[in-house]
């Protein structure tokens, strides 16, 4: 009986050792080595055995990358495209290195050209949502990443025409606004008190502060008149711009700037009209205050400019 037990223990020990060896062999590194040696089926088998759950993002991405490489090498194009889509969705900026075959790089470029327009629109919506909820730091970061992605050569054709060309202008404008709103106020400069003068100095009044949507305690201005002029000539496609106005304590427009242009001619007309807009002034603790706000300007083929 003791010999039987010893035999079973020996078998279990050997099985555990073999399992440990197999587990050690099932790694991304071993799959990479098998791919490099053109053992594509073996590399794919290793990748398929690797658990996908609870893995760091870079490891999960590497698994999908090498799965796509193996499937392309085996001629399984449809499955390879599905794996490439997973990689691009997780990291749109990723491109295979130059030491991979032209076939691999072309396959990735084709999938990226197809997917980037929808990814760009989704990233814009996410950054704009952060801006709308006044998370200006996240919004500025999101618009920065978005503009970098729109400069990608694989997105060039789509970005050169609407709607992505309009999104580029809006993203640039919102990035600047978010960065300004997210910047901390400058620290006060502490200087030594001047010696007492023989005569009292004339006090210089401090200019009033200009509030913005980031100031939650301020009630924004109420629009009384905010019309835009009609677009001169034919509008070939919808264009969207943005005017930034400073509304003073009387509700008049003190300053107007075209943050996101429509075109040179219409921008001049729109700014001239904006200086005649009127509002019920912004209020803080029952007193009127200056306020800076942004107004979206949309020019459509079937209508004149609209402000909102």
C-alpha atoms as a PDB file:
ATOM      1  CA  UNK A   1       0.000   0.000   0.000  1.00  0.00           C
ATOM      2  CA  UNK A   2       2.838   2.369   0.888  1.00  0.00           C
ATOM      3  CA  UNK A   3       4.435   1.781  -2.525  1.00  0.00           C
ATOM      4  CA  UNK A   4       1.134   2.677  -4.215  1.00  0.00           C
ATOM      5  CA  UNK A   5       0.874   5.912  -2.221  1.00  0.00           C
ATOM      6  CA  UNK A   6       4.479   6.810  -3.004  1.00  0.00           C
ATOM      7  CA  UNK A   7       3.825   6.150  -6.696  1.00  0.00           C
ATOM      8  CA  UNK A   8       0.742   8.419  -6.675  1.00  0.00           C
ATOM      9  CA  UNK A   9       2.669  11.177  -4.904  1.00  0.00           C
ATOM     10  CA  UNK A  10       5.439  10.909  -7.471  1.00  0.00           C
ATOM     11  CA  UNK A  11       2.922  11.168 -10.308  1.00  0.00           C
ATOM     12  CA  UNK A  12       1.278  14.228  -8.756  1.00  0.00           C
ATOM     13  CA  UNK A  13       4.662  15.888  -8.256  1.00  0.00           C
ATOM     14  CA  UNK A  14       5.644  15.287 -11.865  1.00  0.00           C
ATOM     15  CA  UNK A  15       2.288  16.613 -13.075  1.00  0.00           C
ATOM     16  CA  UNK A  16       2.719  19.783 -10.970  1.00  0.00           C
ATOM     17  CA  UNK A  17       6.182  20.339 -12.397  1.00  0.00           C
ATOM     18  CA  UNK A  18       4.926  19.910 -15.955  1.00  0.00           C
ATOM     19  CA  UNK A  19       2.034  22.298 -15.273  1.00  0.00           C
ATOM     20  CA  UNK A  20       4.471  24.865 -13.919  1.00  0.00           C
ATOM     21  CA  UNK A  21       6.649  24.553 -17.010  1.00  0.00           C
ATOM     22  CA  UNK A  22       3.613  24.926 -19.286  1.00  0.00           C
ATOM     23  CA  UNK A  23       2.443  27.994 -17.363  1.00  0.00           C
ATOM     24  CA  UNK A  24       5.891  29.556 -17.627  1.00  0.00           C
ATOM     25  CA  UNK A  25       5.907  28.935 -21.342  1.00  0.00           C
ATOM     26  CA  UNK A  26       2.482  30.596 -21.781  1.00  0.00           C
ATOM     27  CA  UNK A  27       3.628  34.202 -21.699  1.00  0.00           C
ATOM     28  CA  UNK A  28       3.625  37.188 -24.017  1.00  0.00           C
ATOM     29  CA  UNK A  29       7.399  36.869 -24.326  1.00  0.00           C
ATOM     30  CA  UNK A  30       7.176  33.260 -25.475  1.00  0.00           C
ATOM     31  CA  UNK A  31       4.454  34.173 -27.990  1.00  0.00           C
ATOM     32  CA  UNK A  32       6.652  36.996 -29.287  1.00  0.00           C
ATOM     33  CA  UNK A  33       9.587  34.599 -29.697  1.00  0.00           C
ATOM     34  CA  UNK A  34       7.428  32.061 -31.522  1.00  0.00           C
ATOM     35  CA  UNK A  35       6.144  34.786 -33.850  1.00  0.00           C
ATOM     36  CA  UNK A  36       9.702  35.947 -34.562  1.00  0.00           C
ATOM     37  CA  UNK A  37      10.635  32.372 -35.490  1.00  0.00           C
ATOM     38  CA  UNK A  38       7.602  32.173 -37.874  1.00  0.00           C
ATOM     39  CA  UNK A  39       5.834  29.595 -35.659  1.00  0.00           C
ATOM     40  CA  UNK A  40       2.549  31.489 -36.051  1.00  0.00           C
ATOM     41  CA  UNK A  41       0.177  28.659 -35.089  1.00  0.00           C
ATOM     42  CA  UNK A  42       2.154  27.928 -31.913  1.00  0.00           C
ATOM     43  CA  UNK A  43       2.334  31.631 -31.020  1.00  0.00           C
ATOM     44  CA  UNK A  44      -1.423  31.985 -31.542  1.00  0.00           C
ATOM     45  CA  UNK A  45      -2.066  28.947 -29.354  1.00  0.00           C
ATOM     46  CA  UNK A  46      -0.015  30.507 -26.536  1.00  0.00           C
ATOM     47  CA  UNK A  47      -1.895  33.808 -26.860  1.00  0.00           C
ATOM     48  CA  UNK A  48      -5.253  32.036 -26.772  1.00  0.00           C
ATOM     49  CA  UNK A  49      -4.279  30.349 -23.499  1.00  0.00           C
ATOM     50  CA  UNK A  50      -3.369  33.601 -21.787  1.00  0.00           C
ATOM     51  CA  UNK A  51      -6.146  34.850 -19.464  1.00  0.00           C
ATOM     52  CA  UNK A  52      -7.558  38.189 -20.554  1.00  0.00           C
ATOM     53  CA  UNK A  53      -9.094  39.257 -17.250  1.00  0.00           C
ATOM     54  CA  UNK A  54      -7.270  41.377 -14.622  1.00  0.00           C
ATOM     55  CA  UNK A  55      -4.319  42.105 -16.896  1.00  0.00           C
ATOM     56  CA  UNK A  56      -2.600  45.512 -17.066  1.00  0.00           C
ATOM     57  CA  UNK A  57      -3.668  47.541 -20.097  1.00  0.00           C
ATOM     58  CA  UNK A  58      -0.265  47.342 -21.802  1.00  0.00           C
ATOM     59  CA  UNK A  59      -0.189  43.536 -21.526  1.00  0.00           C
ATOM     60  CA  UNK A  60      -3.760  43.169 -22.824  1.00  0.00           C
ATOM     61  CA  UNK A  61      -2.875  45.427 -25.742  1.00  0.00           C
ATOM     62  CA  UNK A  62       0.277  43.413 -26.505  1.00  0.00           C
ATOM     63  CA  UNK A  63      -1.761  40.194 -26.585  1.00  0.00           C
ATOM     64  CA  UNK A  64      -4.182  41.657 -29.147  1.00  0.00           C
ATOM     65  CA  UNK A  65      -1.310  43.105 -31.200  1.00  0.00           C
ATOM     66  CA  UNK A  66       0.489  39.779 -31.535  1.00  0.00           C
ATOM     67  CA  UNK A  67      -2.805  37.971 -32.099  1.00  0.00           C
ATOM     68  CA  UNK A  68      -3.384  40.278 -35.083  1.00  0.00           C
ATOM     69  CA  UNK A  69       0.183  39.742 -36.341  1.00  0.00           C
ATOM     70  CA  UNK A  70      -0.209  35.942 -36.204  1.00  0.00           C
ATOM     71  CA  UNK A  71      -3.636  35.968 -37.867  1.00  0.00           C
ATOM     72  CA  UNK A  72      -2.335  38.165 -40.700  1.00  0.00           C
ATOM     73  CA  UNK A  73       0.630  35.863 -41.217  1.00  0.00           C
ATOM     74  CA  UNK A  74      -1.761  32.893 -41.387  1.00  0.00           C
ATOM     75  CA  UNK A  75      -3.985  34.651 -43.935  1.00  0.00           C
ATOM     76  CA  UNK A  76      -6.975  34.886 -41.555  1.00  0.00           C
ATOM     77  CA  UNK A  77      -7.701  38.484 -42.543  1.00  0.00           C
ATOM     78  CA  UNK A  78     -11.189  38.920 -41.064  1.00  0.00           C
ATOM     79  CA  UNK A  79     -10.114  37.676 -37.626  1.00  0.00           C
ATOM     80  CA  UNK A  80      -6.973  39.831 -37.827  1.00  0.00           C
ATOM     81  CA  UNK A  81      -9.040  42.960 -38.536  1.00  0.00           C
ATOM     82  CA  UNK A  82     -11.179  42.239 -35.475  1.00  0.00           C
ATOM     83  CA  UNK A  83      -8.047  42.021 -33.303  1.00  0.00           C
ATOM     84  CA  UNK A  84      -6.663  45.223 -34.849  1.00  0.00           C
ATOM     85  CA  UNK A  85      -9.951  47.013 -34.100  1.00  0.00           C
ATOM     86  CA  UNK A  86      -9.538  46.102 -30.409  1.00  0.00           C
ATOM     87  CA  UNK A  87      -6.030  47.566 -30.410  1.00  0.00           C
ATOM     88  CA  UNK A  88      -7.058  50.796 -32.173  1.00  0.00           C
ATOM     89  CA  UNK A  89     -10.119  51.281 -29.953  1.00  0.00           C
ATOM     90  CA  UNK A  90      -7.928  51.004 -26.825  1.00  0.00           C
ATOM     91  CA  UNK A  91      -5.020  53.089 -28.172  1.00  0.00           C
ATOM     92  CA  UNK A  92      -5.849  55.062 -31.354  1.00  0.00           C
ATOM     93  CA  UNK A  93      -2.300  56.459 -31.610  1.00  0.00           C
ATOM     94  CA  UNK A  94      -0.670  53.003 -31.844  1.00  0.00           C
ATOM     95  CA  UNK A  95       1.215  52.083 -35.044  1.00  0.00           C
ATOM     96  CA  UNK A  96       3.307  48.931 -35.635  1.00  0.00           C
ATOM     97  CA  UNK A  97       7.055  49.625 -35.621  1.00  0.00           C
ATOM     98  CA  UNK A  98       8.924  49.879 -38.922  1.00  0.00           C
ATOM     99  CA  UNK A  99      10.528  46.443 -38.446  1.00  0.00           C
ATOM    100  CA  UNK A 100       7.136  44.761 -39.020  1.00  0.00           C
ATOM    101  CA  UNK A 101       6.217  43.731 -42.543  1.00  0.00           C
ATOM    102  CA  UNK A 102       4.541  46.208 -44.933  1.00  0.00           C
ATOM    103  CA  UNK A 103       1.487  43.937 -44.942  1.00  0.00           C
ATOM    104  CA  UNK A 104       1.085  44.321 -41.166  1.00  0.00           C
ATOM    105  CA  UNK A 105       1.552  48.087 -41.261  1.00  0.00           C
ATOM    106  CA  UNK A 106      -0.882  48.463 -44.168  1.00  0.00           C
ATOM    107  CA  UNK A 107      -3.533  46.410 -42.362  1.00  0.00           C
ATOM    108  CA  UNK A 108      -3.256  48.632 -39.275  1.00  0.00           C
ATOM    109  CA  UNK A 109      -3.349  51.810 -41.386  1.00  0.00           C
ATOM    110  CA  UNK A 110      -6.509  50.654 -43.198  1.00  0.00           C
ATOM    111  CA  UNK A 111      -8.326  49.893 -39.939  1.00  0.00           C
ATOM    112  CA  UNK A 112      -7.187  53.187 -38.379  1.00  0.00           C
ATOM    113  CA  UNK A 113      -8.422  55.219 -41.385  1.00  0.00           C
ATOM    114  CA  UNK A 114     -11.800  53.544 -41.031  1.00  0.00           C
ATOM    115  CA  UNK A 115     -12.092  53.917 -37.241  1.00  0.00           C
ATOM    116  CA  UNK A 116     -10.443  57.275 -36.487  1.00  0.00           C
ATOM    117  CA  UNK A 117     -13.348  59.522 -37.644  1.00  0.00           C
ATOM    118  CA  UNK A 118     -15.788  57.920 -35.184  1.00  0.00           C
ATOM    119  CA  UNK A 119     -13.145  57.821 -32.417  1.00  0.00           C
ATOM    120  CA  UNK A 120     -12.453  61.538 -32.948  1.00  0.00           C
ATOM    121  CA  UNK A 121     -16.155  62.411 -32.692  1.00  0.00           C
ATOM    122  CA  UNK A 122     -16.489  60.324 -29.517  1.00  0.00           C
ATOM    123  CA  UNK A 123     -13.393  61.907 -27.953  1.00  0.00           C
ATOM    124  CA  UNK A 124     -14.760  65.388 -28.781  1.00  0.00           C
ATOM    125  CA  UNK A 125     -18.082  64.550 -27.090  1.00  0.00           C
ATOM    126  CA  UNK A 126     -16.233  63.321 -23.971  1.00  0.00           C
ATOM    127  CA  UNK A 127     -14.034  66.444 -23.758  1.00  0.00           C
ATOM    128  CA  UNK A 128     -17.032  68.746 -24.348  1.00  0.00           C
ATOM    129  CA  UNK A 129     -18.983  66.942 -21.623  1.00  0.00           C
ATOM    130  CA  UNK A 130     -16.091  67.594 -19.207  1.00  0.00           C
ATOM    131  CA  UNK A 131     -16.134  71.266 -20.233  1.00  0.00           C
ATOM    132  CA  UNK A 132     -19.905  71.522 -19.717  1.00  0.00           C
ATOM    133  CA  UNK A 133     -19.653  70.115 -16.189  1.00  0.00           C
ATOM    134  CA  UNK A 134     -16.836  72.650 -15.513  1.00  0.00           C
ATOM    135  CA  UNK A 135     -14.103  70.007 -15.162  1.00  0.00           C
ATOM    136  CA  UNK A 136     -11.773  72.318 -17.064  1.00  0.00           C
ATOM    137  CA  UNK A 137      -8.538  70.436 -16.311  1.00  0.00           C
ATOM    138  CA  UNK A 138      -9.884  67.199 -17.787  1.00  0.00           C
ATOM    139  CA  UNK A 139     -11.477  69.105 -20.683  1.00  0.00           C
ATOM    140  CA  UNK A 140      -8.196  70.849 -21.580  1.00  0.00           C
ATOM    141  CA  UNK A 141      -6.360  67.518 -21.513  1.00  0.00           C
ATOM    142  CA  UNK A 142      -9.075  65.836 -23.600  1.00  0.00           C
ATOM    143  CA  UNK A 143      -9.068  68.562 -26.267  1.00  0.00           C
ATOM    144  CA  UNK A 144      -5.241  68.467 -26.415  1.00  0.00           C
ATOM    145  CA  UNK A 145      -5.228  64.687 -27.023  1.00  0.00           C
ATOM    146  CA  UNK A 146      -8.042  65.108 -29.551  1.00  0.00           C
ATOM    147  CA  UNK A 147      -6.142  67.729 -31.575  1.00  0.00           C
ATOM    148  CA  UNK A 148      -3.027  65.521 -31.586  1.00  0.00           C
ATOM    149  CA  UNK A 149      -5.137  62.637 -32.890  1.00  0.00           C
ATOM    150  CA  UNK A 150      -6.610  64.864 -35.618  1.00  0.00           C
ATOM    151  CA  UNK A 151      -3.057  65.592 -36.825  1.00  0.00           C
ATOM    152  CA  UNK A 152      -2.494  61.876 -37.472  1.00  0.00           C
ATOM    153  CA  UNK A 153      -1.797  61.190 -41.191  1.00  0.00           C
ATOM    154  CA  UNK A 154      -4.391  58.392 -41.220  1.00  0.00           C
ATOM    155  CA  UNK A 155      -7.062  60.945 -40.193  1.00  0.00           C
ATOM    156  CA  UNK A 156      -5.969  63.671 -42.630  1.00  0.00           C
ATOM    157  CA  UNK A 157      -8.543  62.943 -45.350  1.00  0.00           C
ATOM    158  CA  UNK A 158     -11.495  62.889 -42.936  1.00  0.00           C
ATOM    159  CA  UNK A 159     -10.304  65.923 -40.938  1.00  0.00           C
ATOM    160  CA  UNK A 160     -10.008  68.071 -44.058  1.00  0.00           C
ATOM    161  CA  UNK A 161     -13.781  68.151 -44.568  1.00  0.00           C
ATOM    162  CA  UNK A 162     -16.938  68.516 -42.434  1.00  0.00           C
ATOM    163  CA  UNK A 163     -17.906  67.504 -39.887  1.00  0.00           C
ATOM    164  CA  UNK A 164     -14.366  66.875 -38.579  1.00  0.00           C
ATOM    165  CA  UNK A 165     -12.996  70.163 -39.969  1.00  0.00           C
ATOM    166  CA  UNK A 166     -15.583  72.012 -37.879  1.00  0.00           C
ATOM    167  CA  UNK A 167     -14.789  69.850 -34.849  1.00  0.00           C
ATOM    168  CA  UNK A 168     -11.103  70.810 -35.178  1.00  0.00           C
ATOM    169  CA  UNK A 169     -12.005  74.537 -34.952  1.00  0.00           C
ATOM    170  CA  UNK A 170     -14.325  73.986 -32.005  1.00  0.00           C
ATOM    171  CA  UNK A 171     -11.793  71.782 -30.187  1.00  0.00           C
ATOM    172  CA  UNK A 172      -9.071  74.431 -30.566  1.00  0.00           C
ATOM    173  CA  UNK A 173     -11.391  77.123 -29.177  1.00  0.00           C
ATOM    174  CA  UNK A 174     -12.641  75.028 -26.268  1.00  0.00           C
ATOM    175  CA  UNK A 175      -9.078  73.914 -25.446  1.00  0.00           C
ATOM    176  CA  UNK A 176      -7.993  77.549 -24.993  1.00  0.00           C
ATOM    177  CA  UNK A 177     -11.099  78.383 -22.947  1.00  0.00           C
ATOM    178  CA  UNK A 178     -10.678  75.299 -20.740  1.00  0.00           C
ATOM    179  CA  UNK A 179      -6.968  75.937 -20.214  1.00  0.00           C
ATOM    180  CA  UNK A 180      -7.704  79.537 -19.193  1.00  0.00           C
ATOM    181  CA  UNK A 181     -10.479  78.487 -16.816  1.00  0.00           C
ATOM    182  CA  UNK A 182      -8.346  75.695 -15.309  1.00  0.00           C
ATOM    183  CA  UNK A 183      -5.329  77.929 -14.641  1.00  0.00           C
ATOM    184  CA  UNK A 184      -4.996  78.863 -10.946  1.00  0.00           C
ATOM    185  CA  UNK A 185      -5.266  82.571 -10.139  1.00  0.00           C
ATOM    186  CA  UNK A 186      -1.910  84.355  -9.828  1.00  0.00           C
ATOM    187  CA  UNK A 187      -0.465  84.599  -6.340  1.00  0.00           C
ATOM    188  CA  UNK A 188      -0.631  88.068  -4.793  1.00  0.00           C
ATOM    189  CA  UNK A 189       2.619  90.021  -4.922  1.00  0.00           C
ATOM    190  CA  UNK A 190       3.700  91.057  -1.438  1.00  0.00           C
ATOM    191  CA  UNK A 191       5.719  94.257  -1.352  1.00  0.00           C
ATOM    192  CA  UNK A 192       7.036  96.330   1.485  1.00  0.00           C
ATOM    193  CA  UNK A 193       4.848  99.205   2.563  1.00  0.00           C
ATOM    194  CA  UNK A 194       6.124 102.538   1.226  1.00  0.00           C
ATOM    195  CA  UNK A 195       7.239 105.122   3.714  1.00  0.00           C
ATOM    196  CA  UNK A 196       4.554 107.579   4.701  1.00  0.00           C
ATOM    197  CA  UNK A 197       4.305 110.408   2.211  1.00  0.00           C
ATOM    198  CA  UNK A 198       4.101 114.047   3.115  1.00  0.00           C
ATOM    199  CA  UNK A 199       0.766 114.266   1.327  1.00  0.00           C
ATOM    200  CA  UNK A 200      -1.860 111.580   0.877  1.00  0.00           C
ATOM    201  CA  UNK A 201      -1.444 109.648  -2.370  1.00  0.00           C
ATOM    202  CA  UNK A 202      -4.366 109.382  -4.708  1.00  0.00           C
ATOM    203  CA  UNK A 203      -5.763 105.847  -4.541  1.00  0.00           C
ATOM    204  CA  UNK A 204      -5.919 104.042  -7.890  1.00  0.00           C
ATOM    205  CA  UNK A 205      -9.198 102.131  -8.192  1.00  0.00           C
ATOM    206  CA  UNK A 206      -8.897  98.376  -8.721  1.00  0.00           C
ATOM    207  CA  UNK A 207     -10.518  97.315 -11.996  1.00  0.00           C
ATOM    208  CA  UNK A 208     -13.590  95.145 -11.445  1.00  0.00           C
ATOM    209  CA  UNK A 209     -13.137  91.406 -11.722  1.00  0.00           C
ATOM    210  CA  UNK A 210     -14.535  89.643 -14.781  1.00  0.00           C
ATOM    211  CA  UNK A 211     -16.428  86.478 -13.836  1.00  0.00           C
ATOM    212  CA  UNK A 212     -16.998  83.386 -16.006  1.00  0.00           C
ATOM    213  CA  UNK A 213     -18.971  80.103 -16.036  1.00  0.00           C
ATOM    214  CA  UNK A 214     -16.397  78.653 -13.599  1.00  0.00           C
ATOM    215  CA  UNK A 215     -17.738  80.983 -10.863  1.00  0.00           C
ATOM    216  CA  UNK A 216     -20.642  79.002  -9.442  1.00  0.00           C
ATOM    217  CA  UNK A 217     -21.766  81.813  -7.120  1.00  0.00           C
ATOM    218  CA  UNK A 218     -22.515  84.151 -10.028  1.00  0.00           C
ATOM    219  CA  UNK A 219     -25.847  84.175 -11.885  1.00  0.00           C
ATOM    220  CA  UNK A 220     -24.993  84.425 -15.643  1.00  0.00           C
ATOM    221  CA  UNK A 221     -26.355  87.257 -17.800  1.00  0.00           C
ATOM    222  CA  UNK A 222     -29.840  86.864 -19.285  1.00  0.00           C
ATOM    223  CA  UNK A 223     -30.054  87.405 -23.046  1.00  0.00           C
ATOM    224  CA  UNK A 224     -32.226  90.329 -24.157  1.00  0.00           C
ATOM    225  CA  UNK A 225     -30.928  90.800 -27.713  1.00  0.00           C
ATOM    226  CA  UNK A 226     -28.472  88.469 -29.434  1.00  0.00           C
ATOM    227  CA  UNK A 227     -29.041  88.466 -33.199  1.00  0.00           C
ATOM    228  CA  UNK A 228     -26.511  87.625 -35.897  1.00  0.00           C
ATOM    229  CA  UNK A 229     -26.407  89.063 -39.425  1.00  0.00           C
ATOM    230  CA  UNK A 230     -27.284  86.859 -42.424  1.00  0.00           C
ATOM    231  CA  UNK A 231     -24.390  85.197 -44.202  1.00  0.00           C
ATOM    232  CA  UNK A 232     -23.412  87.197 -47.340  1.00  0.00           C
ATOM    233  CA  UNK A 233     -23.618  84.922 -50.362  1.00  0.00           C
ATOM    234  CA  UNK A 234     -24.065  81.152 -50.650  1.00  0.00           C
ATOM    235  CA  UNK A 235     -23.278  78.842 -47.733  1.00  0.00           C
ATOM    236  CA  UNK A 236     -21.779  75.604 -49.188  1.00  0.00           C
ATOM    237  CA  UNK A 237     -21.929  73.667 -45.909  1.00  0.00           C
ATOM    238  CA  UNK A 238     -22.594  74.172 -42.212  1.00  0.00           C
ATOM    239  CA  UNK A 239     -19.862  76.105 -40.393  1.00  0.00           C
ATOM    240  CA  UNK A 240     -19.634  76.617 -36.646  1.00  0.00           C
ATOM    241  CA  UNK A 241     -17.688  79.332 -34.837  1.00  0.00           C
ATOM    242  CA  UNK A 242     -17.549  80.879 -31.389  1.00  0.00           C
ATOM    243  CA  UNK A 243     -17.671  84.486 -30.116  1.00  0.00           C
ATOM    244  CA  UNK A 244     -16.457  85.391 -26.634  1.00  0.00           C
ATOM    245  CA  UNK A 245     -18.112  88.503 -25.189  1.00  0.00           C
ATOM    246  CA  UNK A 246     -17.541  90.449 -21.980  1.00  0.00           C
ATOM    247  CA  UNK A 247     -20.826  91.798 -20.583  1.00  0.00           C
ATOM    248  CA  UNK A 248     -20.433  94.801 -18.253  1.00  0.00           C
ATOM    249  CA  UNK A 249     -22.480  95.731 -15.179  1.00  0.00           C
ATOM    250  CA  UNK A 250     -25.112  97.483 -17.315  1.00  0.00           C
ATOM    251  CA  UNK A 251     -25.685  94.524 -19.614  1.00  0.00           C
ATOM    252  CA  UNK A 252     -23.818  96.010 -22.588  1.00  0.00           C
ATOM    253  CA  UNK A 253     -21.077  94.174 -24.491  1.00  0.00           C
ATOM    254  CA  UNK A 254     -17.771  95.707 -23.437  1.00  0.00           C
ATOM    255  CA  UNK A 255     -15.599  93.491 -25.639  1.00  0.00           C
ATOM    256  CA  UNK A 256     -16.124  90.811 -28.329  1.00  0.00           C
ATOM    257  CA  UNK A 257     -13.546  88.371 -29.713  1.00  0.00           C
ATOM    258  CA  UNK A 258     -13.948  85.697 -32.420  1.00  0.00           C
ATOM    259  CA  UNK A 259     -12.443  82.696 -30.642  1.00  0.00           C
ATOM    260  CA  UNK A 260     -13.351  80.177 -33.394  1.00  0.00           C
ATOM    261  CA  UNK A 261     -13.640  81.844 -36.836  1.00  0.00           C
ATOM    262  CA  UNK A 262     -16.201  81.072 -39.537  1.00  0.00           C
ATOM    263  CA  UNK A 263     -14.460  83.066 -42.274  1.00  0.00           C
ATOM    264  CA  UNK A 264     -12.873  86.493 -42.531  1.00  0.00           C
ATOM    265  CA  UNK A 265     -15.848  88.338 -44.043  1.00  0.00           C
ATOM    266  CA  UNK A 266     -18.524  86.888 -41.793  1.00  0.00           C
ATOM    267  CA  UNK A 267     -16.367  87.180 -38.661  1.00  0.00           C
ATOM    268  CA  UNK A 268     -16.214  90.970 -39.130  1.00  0.00           C
ATOM    269  CA  UNK A 269     -20.005  91.193 -39.525  1.00  0.00           C
ATOM    270  CA  UNK A 270     -20.649  88.915 -36.548  1.00  0.00           C
ATOM    271  CA  UNK A 271     -18.333  90.876 -34.229  1.00  0.00           C
ATOM    272  CA  UNK A 272     -19.940  94.169 -35.261  1.00  0.00           C
ATOM    273  CA  UNK A 273     -23.363  92.719 -34.423  1.00  0.00           C
ATOM    274  CA  UNK A 274     -22.113  91.259 -31.118  1.00  0.00           C
ATOM    275  CA  UNK A 275     -21.085  94.696 -29.840  1.00  0.00           C
ATOM    276  CA  UNK A 276     -24.778  95.695 -30.011  1.00  0.00           C
ATOM    277  CA  UNK A 277     -26.076  92.687 -28.072  1.00  0.00           C
ATOM    278  CA  UNK A 278     -27.826  93.452 -24.797  1.00  0.00           C
ATOM    279  CA  UNK A 279     -28.269  91.404 -21.629  1.00  0.00           C
ATOM    280  CA  UNK A 280     -29.626  91.630 -18.136  1.00  0.00           C
ATOM    281  CA  UNK A 281     -26.271  91.757 -16.287  1.00  0.00           C
ATOM    282  CA  UNK A 282     -24.778  88.892 -14.289  1.00  0.00           C
ATOM    283  CA  UNK A 283     -25.457  89.106 -10.556  1.00  0.00           C
ATOM    284  CA  UNK A 284     -23.453  88.201  -7.473  1.00  0.00           C
ATOM    285  CA  UNK A 285     -24.827  88.743  -3.964  1.00  0.00           C
ATOM    286  CA  UNK A 286     -27.481  91.054  -5.405  1.00  0.00           C
ATOM    287  CA  UNK A 287     -25.028  93.280  -7.275  1.00  0.00           C
ATOM    288  CA  UNK A 288     -24.320  93.398 -11.045  1.00  0.00           C
ATOM    289  CA  UNK A 289     -20.845  92.178 -12.102  1.00  0.00           C
ATOM    290  CA  UNK A 290     -18.834  91.822 -15.288  1.00  0.00           C
ATOM    291  CA  UNK A 291     -19.075  88.424 -16.974  1.00  0.00           C
ATOM    292  CA  UNK A 292     -17.299  86.686 -19.832  1.00  0.00           C
ATOM    293  CA  UNK A 293     -19.347  84.159 -21.843  1.00  0.00           C
ATOM    294  CA  UNK A 294     -19.017  82.188 -25.088  1.00  0.00           C
ATOM    295  CA  UNK A 295     -21.678  82.163 -27.819  1.00  0.00           C
ATOM    296  CA  UNK A 296     -21.742  79.438 -30.471  1.00  0.00           C
ATOM    297  CA  UNK A 297     -22.332  80.693 -34.038  1.00  0.00           C
ATOM    298  CA  UNK A 298     -23.726  78.260 -36.627  1.00  0.00           C
ATOM    299  CA  UNK A 299     -24.109  79.152 -40.323  1.00  0.00           C
ATOM    300  CA  UNK A 300     -26.172  76.654 -42.297  1.00  0.00           C
ATOM    301  CA  UNK A 301     -26.767  76.283 -46.064  1.00  0.00           C
ATOM    302  CA  UNK A 302     -30.520  76.817 -45.613  1.00  0.00           C
ATOM    303  CA  UNK A 303     -30.429  79.673 -43.112  1.00  0.00           C
ATOM    304  CA  UNK A 304     -28.568  82.679 -41.872  1.00  0.00           C
ATOM    305  CA  UNK A 305     -26.272  82.588 -38.840  1.00  0.00           C
ATOM    306  CA  UNK A 306     -27.770  81.416 -35.585  1.00  0.00           C
ATOM    307  CA  UNK A 307     -26.399  82.229 -32.119  1.00  0.00           C
ATOM    308  CA  UNK A 308     -26.964  80.298 -28.985  1.00  0.00           C
END
